[in-house]
Amino acid sequence: MRMISRYCRRPFGSSSSNNATAALNFSNLEEKADMIMKELLSKNETVGTAETSSGGLISAALWSSPCGSRCFKGGGIRLAYGINRDADKKGIEEAQAVAAKWGILYENGVEQSVTGSMEHALEIAYAAKYNLNTTWGIGESGICGPDSHPKSMMPPGMGFVAVAGPCELTTGVIKLNPSSSRSRSENMMYFTNAALDLMNHLQQKPR
């Protein structure tokens, strides 16, 4: 797998340690989300989300901002993809095209990815963007615990968050190392924090 700046192993401003995960609280998330929403408002942009293990916490953080009603257009939680099949198909095709540019190719005969993978996080970020017709889409695909995933055996607190921005330079994916926590709520915070950090980072990229 070719490593580039838009695909990172560690989340910006986050940690994989249990202590760091436990120290997070919703106030921390609110502060980060408010910065994101103010930046969106200043550019007349919008955002939507697609979440698995964070269970809507990314959406809640963004909605908590005073700018929430103006920039946050909605989200899906534990949906296969979205409600518009054409938008889903477009999102998967876009994710595959971006992944291919990064040197990440799908296996032959595989049309879409599985939960807890880089490809899945990117696909649902694009699905959110196209289903909700937003400037930005955030996708989260991870394992919140308390047990490992029954099929992939990925441990709790491991997963990926992705942001599909207005262009390739503002699109990225982060791999989250296992958090060492078996607490679902702590891992939900962990995934949400990483998603907000990535979104904030990509908003600063020149276009």
C-alpha atoms as a PDB file:
ATOM      1  CA  MET A   1       0.000   0.000   0.000  1.00  0.00           C
ATOM      2  CA  ARG A   2       1.507   3.338  -1.038  1.00  0.00           C
ATOM      3  CA  MET A   3       1.622   5.803   1.845  1.00  0.00           C
ATOM      4  CA  ILE A   4       0.916   9.458   1.078  1.00  0.00           C
ATOM      5  CA  SER A   5      -0.002  12.495   3.140  1.00  0.00           C
ATOM      6  CA  ARG A   6      -3.714  11.946   2.630  1.00  0.00           C
ATOM      7  CA  TYR A   7      -3.583   8.466   4.178  1.00  0.00           C
ATOM      8  CA  CYS A   8      -2.150   8.381   7.685  1.00  0.00           C
ATOM      9  CA  ARG A   9      -1.717   5.652  10.290  1.00  0.00           C
ATOM     10  CA  ARG A  10      -2.343   7.890  13.287  1.00  0.00           C
ATOM     11  CA  PRO A  11      -5.113  10.444  13.791  1.00  0.00           C
ATOM     12  CA  PHE A  12      -4.198  14.109  14.001  1.00  0.00           C
ATOM     13  CA  GLY A  13      -4.231  15.309  17.615  1.00  0.00           C
ATOM     14  CA  SER A  14      -5.338  11.922  18.902  1.00  0.00           C
ATOM     15  CA  SER A  15      -3.842   8.897  20.603  1.00  0.00           C
ATOM     16  CA  SER A  16      -4.380   5.168  20.674  1.00  0.00           C
ATOM     17  CA  SER A  17      -3.809   4.902  24.431  1.00  0.00           C
ATOM     18  CA  ASN A  18      -6.596   3.991  26.807  1.00  0.00           C
ATOM     19  CA  ASN A  19      -5.864   6.986  29.052  1.00  0.00           C
ATOM     20  CA  ALA A  20      -6.246   9.427  26.175  1.00  0.00           C
ATOM     21  CA  THR A  21      -9.484   7.766  25.125  1.00  0.00           C
ATOM     22  CA  ALA A  22     -10.922   7.921  28.622  1.00  0.00           C
ATOM     23  CA  ALA A  23      -9.945  11.581  28.967  1.00  0.00           C
ATOM     24  CA  LEU A  24     -12.154  12.617  26.064  1.00  0.00           C
ATOM     25  CA  ASN A  25     -15.544  14.086  26.838  1.00  0.00           C
ATOM     26  CA  PHE A  26     -18.294  15.660  24.800  1.00  0.00           C
ATOM     27  CA  SER A  27     -17.095  19.180  25.618  1.00  0.00           C
ATOM     28  CA  ASN A  28     -13.825  18.426  23.805  1.00  0.00           C
ATOM     29  CA  LEU A  29     -15.765  17.229  20.789  1.00  0.00           C
ATOM     30  CA  GLU A  30     -18.063  20.262  20.862  1.00  0.00           C
ATOM     31  CA  GLU A  31     -15.092  22.638  20.722  1.00  0.00           C
ATOM     32  CA  LYS A  32     -13.560  20.893  17.735  1.00  0.00           C
ATOM     33  CA  ALA A  33     -16.893  20.613  15.948  1.00  0.00           C
ATOM     34  CA  ASP A  34     -17.641  24.300  16.461  1.00  0.00           C
ATOM     35  CA  MET A  35     -14.340  25.243  14.787  1.00  0.00           C
ATOM     36  CA  ILE A  36     -15.233  23.017  11.851  1.00  0.00           C
ATOM     37  CA  MET A  37     -18.721  24.449  11.503  1.00  0.00           C
ATOM     38  CA  LYS A  38     -17.532  28.052  11.684  1.00  0.00           C
ATOM     39  CA  GLU A  39     -15.067  27.337   8.880  1.00  0.00           C
ATOM     40  CA  LEU A  40     -17.836  25.749   6.816  1.00  0.00           C
ATOM     41  CA  LEU A  41     -20.117  28.719   7.402  1.00  0.00           C
ATOM     42  CA  SER A  42     -17.400  31.170   6.357  1.00  0.00           C
ATOM     43  CA  LYS A  43     -17.168  29.405   2.987  1.00  0.00           C
ATOM     44  CA  ASN A  44     -20.896  28.700   2.615  1.00  0.00           C
ATOM     45  CA  GLU A  45     -20.202  24.944   2.676  1.00  0.00           C
ATOM     46  CA  THR A  46     -22.084  21.986   4.131  1.00  0.00           C
ATOM     47  CA  VAL A  47     -21.323  18.568   5.624  1.00  0.00           C
ATOM     48  CA  GLY A  48     -23.065  15.212   6.066  1.00  0.00           C
ATOM     49  CA  THR A  49     -22.057  12.034   7.880  1.00  0.00           C
ATOM     50  CA  ALA A  50     -22.283   8.251   7.630  1.00  0.00           C
ATOM     51  CA  GLU A  51     -21.413   6.409  10.845  1.00  0.00           C
ATOM     52  CA  THR A  52     -21.171   2.827  12.048  1.00  0.00           C
ATOM     53  CA  SER A  53     -19.554   2.393  15.465  1.00  0.00           C
ATOM     54  CA  SER A  54     -19.659   6.047  16.529  1.00  0.00           C
ATOM     55  CA  GLY A  55     -23.436   5.678  16.586  1.00  0.00           C
ATOM     56  CA  GLY A  56     -24.280   9.257  15.620  1.00  0.00           C
ATOM     57  CA  LEU A  57     -21.787  10.958  17.920  1.00  0.00           C
ATOM     58  CA  ILE A  58     -20.041  12.701  15.022  1.00  0.00           C
ATOM     59  CA  SER A  59     -23.409  14.064  13.926  1.00  0.00           C
ATOM     60  CA  ALA A  60     -24.271  15.109  17.481  1.00  0.00           C
ATOM     61  CA  ALA A  61     -21.000  16.998  17.872  1.00  0.00           C
ATOM     62  CA  LEU A  62     -21.484  18.879  14.596  1.00  0.00           C
ATOM     63  CA  TRP A  63     -25.136  19.590  15.392  1.00  0.00           C
ATOM     64  CA  SER A  64     -24.196  20.983  18.815  1.00  0.00           C
ATOM     65  CA  SER A  65     -22.511  23.974  17.176  1.00  0.00           C
ATOM     66  CA  PRO A  66     -24.558  27.193  16.922  1.00  0.00           C
ATOM     67  CA  CYS A  67     -23.870  26.902  13.177  1.00  0.00           C
ATOM     68  CA  GLY A  68     -25.269  23.369  13.131  1.00  0.00           C
ATOM     69  CA  SER A  69     -28.605  24.126  11.528  1.00  0.00           C
ATOM     70  CA  ARG A  70     -26.936  26.095   8.735  1.00  0.00           C
ATOM     71  CA  CYS A  71     -24.114  23.739   7.740  1.00  0.00           C
ATOM     72  CA  PHE A  72     -24.985  20.219   8.924  1.00  0.00           C
ATOM     73  CA  LYS A  73     -27.342  18.538   6.457  1.00  0.00           C
ATOM     74  CA  GLY A  74     -27.841  15.181   8.149  1.00  0.00           C
ATOM     75  CA  GLY A  75     -26.370  11.736   8.606  1.00  0.00           C
ATOM     76  CA  GLY A  76     -26.948   8.014   8.540  1.00  0.00           C
ATOM     77  CA  ILE A  77     -26.212   5.531  11.324  1.00  0.00           C
ATOM     78  CA  ARG A  78     -25.657   1.843  10.590  1.00  0.00           C
ATOM     79  CA  LEU A  79     -27.248   2.089   7.159  1.00  0.00           C
ATOM     80  CA  ALA A  80     -25.756  -0.150   4.491  1.00  0.00           C
ATOM     81  CA  TYR A  81     -24.988   3.042   2.595  1.00  0.00           C
ATOM     82  CA  GLY A  82     -27.674   5.648   1.968  1.00  0.00           C
ATOM     83  CA  ILE A  83     -31.250   6.013   0.828  1.00  0.00           C
ATOM     84  CA  ASN A  84     -30.517   6.846  -2.801  1.00  0.00           C
ATOM     85  CA  ARG A  85     -29.065   3.878  -4.687  1.00  0.00           C
ATOM     86  CA  ASP A  86     -27.803   6.043  -7.542  1.00  0.00           C
ATOM     87  CA  ALA A  87     -25.992   8.274  -5.048  1.00  0.00           C
ATOM     88  CA  ASP A  88     -24.573   5.179  -3.338  1.00  0.00           C
ATOM     89  CA  LYS A  89     -23.272   3.842  -6.648  1.00  0.00           C
ATOM     90  CA  LYS A  90     -21.713   7.191  -7.499  1.00  0.00           C
ATOM     91  CA  GLY A  91     -20.099   7.309  -4.050  1.00  0.00           C
ATOM     92  CA  ILE A  92     -18.587   3.834  -4.386  1.00  0.00           C
ATOM     93  CA  GLU A  93     -17.267   4.622  -7.871  1.00  0.00           C
ATOM     94  CA  GLU A  94     -15.705   7.867  -6.635  1.00  0.00           C
ATOM     95  CA  ALA A  95     -14.134   6.122  -3.643  1.00  0.00           C
ATOM     96  CA  GLN A  96     -12.699   3.408  -5.885  1.00  0.00           C
ATOM     97  CA  ALA A  97     -11.258   6.022  -8.253  1.00  0.00           C
ATOM     98  CA  VAL A  98      -9.609   7.948  -5.408  1.00  0.00           C
ATOM     99  CA  ALA A  99      -8.299   4.749  -3.805  1.00  0.00           C
ATOM    100  CA  ALA A 100      -6.821   3.673  -7.142  1.00  0.00           C
ATOM    101  CA  LYS A 101      -4.903   6.959  -7.376  1.00  0.00           C
ATOM    102  CA  TRP A 102      -3.481   6.167  -3.938  1.00  0.00           C
ATOM    103  CA  GLY A 103      -2.371   2.731  -5.117  1.00  0.00           C
ATOM    104  CA  ILE A 104      -5.158   0.873  -3.277  1.00  0.00           C
ATOM    105  CA  LEU A 105      -7.040  -1.512  -5.535  1.00  0.00           C
ATOM    106  CA  TYR A 106     -10.117  -3.655  -4.920  1.00  0.00           C
ATOM    107  CA  GLU A 107      -9.899  -7.407  -5.353  1.00  0.00           C
ATOM    108  CA  ASN A 108     -11.343  -8.748  -8.594  1.00  0.00           C
ATOM    109  CA  GLY A 109     -15.067  -9.338  -8.321  1.00  0.00           C
ATOM    110  CA  VAL A 110     -15.453  -7.221  -5.183  1.00  0.00           C
ATOM    111  CA  GLU A 111     -17.906  -4.386  -5.826  1.00  0.00           C
ATOM    112  CA  GLN A 112     -17.816  -2.800  -2.376  1.00  0.00           C
ATOM    113  CA  SER A 113     -15.907  -3.183   0.859  1.00  0.00           C
ATOM    114  CA  VAL A 114     -16.546  -4.553   4.347  1.00  0.00           C
ATOM    115  CA  THR A 115     -17.096  -2.739   7.644  1.00  0.00           C
ATOM    116  CA  GLY A 116     -13.915  -1.757   9.434  1.00  0.00           C
ATOM    117  CA  SER A 117     -11.861  -1.172   6.283  1.00  0.00           C
ATOM    118  CA  MET A 118     -10.265   1.895   4.760  1.00  0.00           C
ATOM    119  CA  GLU A 119     -12.310   1.430   1.601  1.00  0.00           C
ATOM    120  CA  HIS A 120     -15.587   1.222   3.522  1.00  0.00           C
ATOM    121  CA  ALA A 121     -14.901   4.448   5.433  1.00  0.00           C
ATOM    122  CA  LEU A 122     -14.129   6.245   2.167  1.00  0.00           C
ATOM    123  CA  GLU A 123     -17.155   4.774   0.396  1.00  0.00           C
ATOM    124  CA  ILE A 124     -19.613   5.873   3.059  1.00  0.00           C
ATOM    125  CA  ALA A 125     -17.995   9.322   3.282  1.00  0.00           C
ATOM    126  CA  TYR A 126     -18.783   9.740  -0.411  1.00  0.00           C
ATOM    127  CA  ALA A 127     -22.201   8.141   0.064  1.00  0.00           C
ATOM    128  CA  ALA A 128     -22.992  10.777   2.704  1.00  0.00           C
ATOM    129  CA  LYS A 129     -21.765  13.532   0.416  1.00  0.00           C
ATOM    130  CA  TYR A 130     -23.824  12.420  -2.579  1.00  0.00           C
ATOM    131  CA  ASN A 131     -26.955  11.308  -0.718  1.00  0.00           C
ATOM    132  CA  LEU A 132     -27.163  14.611   1.134  1.00  0.00           C
ATOM    133  CA  ASN A 133     -25.734  16.790  -1.667  1.00  0.00           C
ATOM    134  CA  THR A 134     -23.120  18.363   0.609  1.00  0.00           C
ATOM    135  CA  THR A 135     -19.688  19.884   0.073  1.00  0.00           C
ATOM    136  CA  TRP A 136     -18.094  17.466   2.543  1.00  0.00           C
ATOM    137  CA  GLY A 137     -18.850  13.921   3.676  1.00  0.00           C
ATOM    138  CA  ILE A 138     -17.515  12.188   6.791  1.00  0.00           C
ATOM    139  CA  GLY A 139     -17.437   8.389   7.040  1.00  0.00           C
ATOM    140  CA  GLU A 140     -16.582   6.206  10.040  1.00  0.00           C
ATOM    141  CA  SER A 141     -16.124   2.436   9.936  1.00  0.00           C
ATOM    142  CA  GLY A 142     -14.793   0.762  13.062  1.00  0.00           C
ATOM    143  CA  ILE A 143     -15.249  -1.741  15.867  1.00  0.00           C
ATOM    144  CA  CYS A 144     -16.632  -0.217  19.070  1.00  0.00           C
ATOM    145  CA  GLY A 145     -16.536  -3.405  21.172  1.00  0.00           C
ATOM    146  CA  PRO A 146     -16.613  -4.772  23.728  1.00  0.00           C
ATOM    147  CA  ASP A 147     -15.640  -7.801  21.621  1.00  0.00           C
ATOM    148  CA  SER A 148     -13.682  -8.195  18.420  1.00  0.00           C
ATOM    149  CA  HIS A 149     -15.574  -8.216  15.126  1.00  0.00           C
ATOM    150  CA  PRO A 150     -17.006 -11.739  14.632  1.00  0.00           C
ATOM    151  CA  LYS A 151     -15.898 -11.994  10.987  1.00  0.00           C
ATOM    152  CA  SER A 152     -12.746  -9.909  10.608  1.00  0.00           C
ATOM    153  CA  MET A 153     -11.604 -10.415  14.232  1.00  0.00           C
ATOM    154  CA  MET A 154     -10.549  -6.765  14.352  1.00  0.00           C
ATOM    155  CA  PRO A 155     -10.153  -5.706  17.997  1.00  0.00           C
ATOM    156  CA  PRO A 156     -12.291  -3.043  19.726  1.00  0.00           C
ATOM    157  CA  GLY A 157     -11.269   0.525  19.029  1.00  0.00           C
ATOM    158  CA  MET A 158      -9.762  -0.245  15.632  1.00  0.00           C
ATOM    159  CA  GLY A 159     -11.095   1.192  12.416  1.00  0.00           C
ATOM    160  CA  PHE A 160     -10.945   4.000   9.890  1.00  0.00           C
ATOM    161  CA  VAL A 161     -12.398   7.477   9.505  1.00  0.00           C
ATOM    162  CA  ALA A 162     -12.572   9.253   6.159  1.00  0.00           C
ATOM    163  CA  VAL A 163     -13.441  12.666   4.799  1.00  0.00           C
ATOM    164  CA  ALA A 164     -14.559  13.250   1.209  1.00  0.00           C
ATOM    165  CA  GLY A 165     -13.928  16.909   0.542  1.00  0.00           C
ATOM    166  CA  PRO A 166     -14.532  19.216  -2.421  1.00  0.00           C
ATOM    167  CA  CYS A 167     -11.453  17.832  -4.235  1.00  0.00           C
ATOM    168  CA  GLU A 168      -8.841  15.070  -3.942  1.00  0.00           C
ATOM    169  CA  LEU A 169      -6.493  17.289  -1.927  1.00  0.00           C
ATOM    170  CA  THR A 170      -9.194  17.691   0.715  1.00  0.00           C
ATOM    171  CA  THR A 171      -9.994  13.985   0.849  1.00  0.00           C
ATOM    172  CA  GLY A 172      -8.314  11.628   3.289  1.00  0.00           C
ATOM    173  CA  VAL A 173      -8.479   8.530   5.472  1.00  0.00           C
ATOM    174  CA  ILE A 174      -7.023   7.759   8.899  1.00  0.00           C
ATOM    175  CA  LYS A 175      -6.341   4.322  10.327  1.00  0.00           C
ATOM    176  CA  LEU A 176      -7.063   4.117  14.049  1.00  0.00           C
ATOM    177  CA  ASN A 177      -4.915   1.709  16.014  1.00  0.00           C
ATOM    178  CA  PRO A 178      -6.742  -0.321  18.692  1.00  0.00           C
ATOM    179  CA  SER A 179      -7.645   1.915  21.636  1.00  0.00           C
ATOM    180  CA  SER A 180      -7.084  -0.807  24.273  1.00  0.00           C
ATOM    181  CA  SER A 181     -10.548   0.024  25.618  1.00  0.00           C
ATOM    182  CA  ARG A 182     -13.458  -2.416  25.666  1.00  0.00           C
ATOM    183  CA  SER A 183     -15.881   0.396  26.522  1.00  0.00           C
ATOM    184  CA  ARG A 184     -18.241   1.131  23.654  1.00  0.00           C
ATOM    185  CA  SER A 185     -18.766   4.732  24.751  1.00  0.00           C
ATOM    186  CA  GLU A 186     -15.021   5.403  25.014  1.00  0.00           C
ATOM    187  CA  ASN A 187     -14.408   3.969  21.563  1.00  0.00           C
ATOM    188  CA  MET A 188     -17.291   6.016  20.165  1.00  0.00           C
ATOM    189  CA  MET A 189     -15.520   9.102  21.528  1.00  0.00           C
ATOM    190  CA  TYR A 190     -12.227   7.879  20.068  1.00  0.00           C
ATOM    191  CA  PHE A 191     -13.651   7.474  16.557  1.00  0.00           C
ATOM    192  CA  THR A 192     -15.491  10.793  16.721  1.00  0.00           C
ATOM    193  CA  ASN A 193     -12.421  12.679  17.920  1.00  0.00           C
ATOM    194  CA  ALA A 194     -10.347  11.269  15.059  1.00  0.00           C
ATOM    195  CA  ALA A 195     -13.018  12.154  12.487  1.00  0.00           C
ATOM    196  CA  LEU A 196     -13.217  15.744  13.710  1.00  0.00           C
ATOM    197  CA  ASP A 197      -9.416  16.068  13.758  1.00  0.00           C
ATOM    198  CA  LEU A 198      -9.183  14.824  10.178  1.00  0.00           C
ATOM    199  CA  MET A 199     -11.960  17.127   9.004  1.00  0.00           C
ATOM    200  CA  ASN A 200     -10.302  20.119  10.661  1.00  0.00           C
ATOM    201  CA  HIS A 201      -6.941  19.213   9.133  1.00  0.00           C
ATOM    202  CA  LEU A 202      -8.307  18.870   5.609  1.00  0.00           C
ATOM    203  CA  GLN A 203     -10.227  22.140   5.857  1.00  0.00           C
ATOM    204  CA  GLN A 204      -6.864  23.906   6.126  1.00  0.00           C
ATOM    205  CA  LYS A 205      -5.561  22.416   2.879  1.00  0.00           C
ATOM    206  CA  PRO A 206      -5.154  24.837  -0.039  1.00  0.00           C
ATOM    207  CA  ARG A 207      -7.484  24.222  -2.976  1.00  0.00           C
END
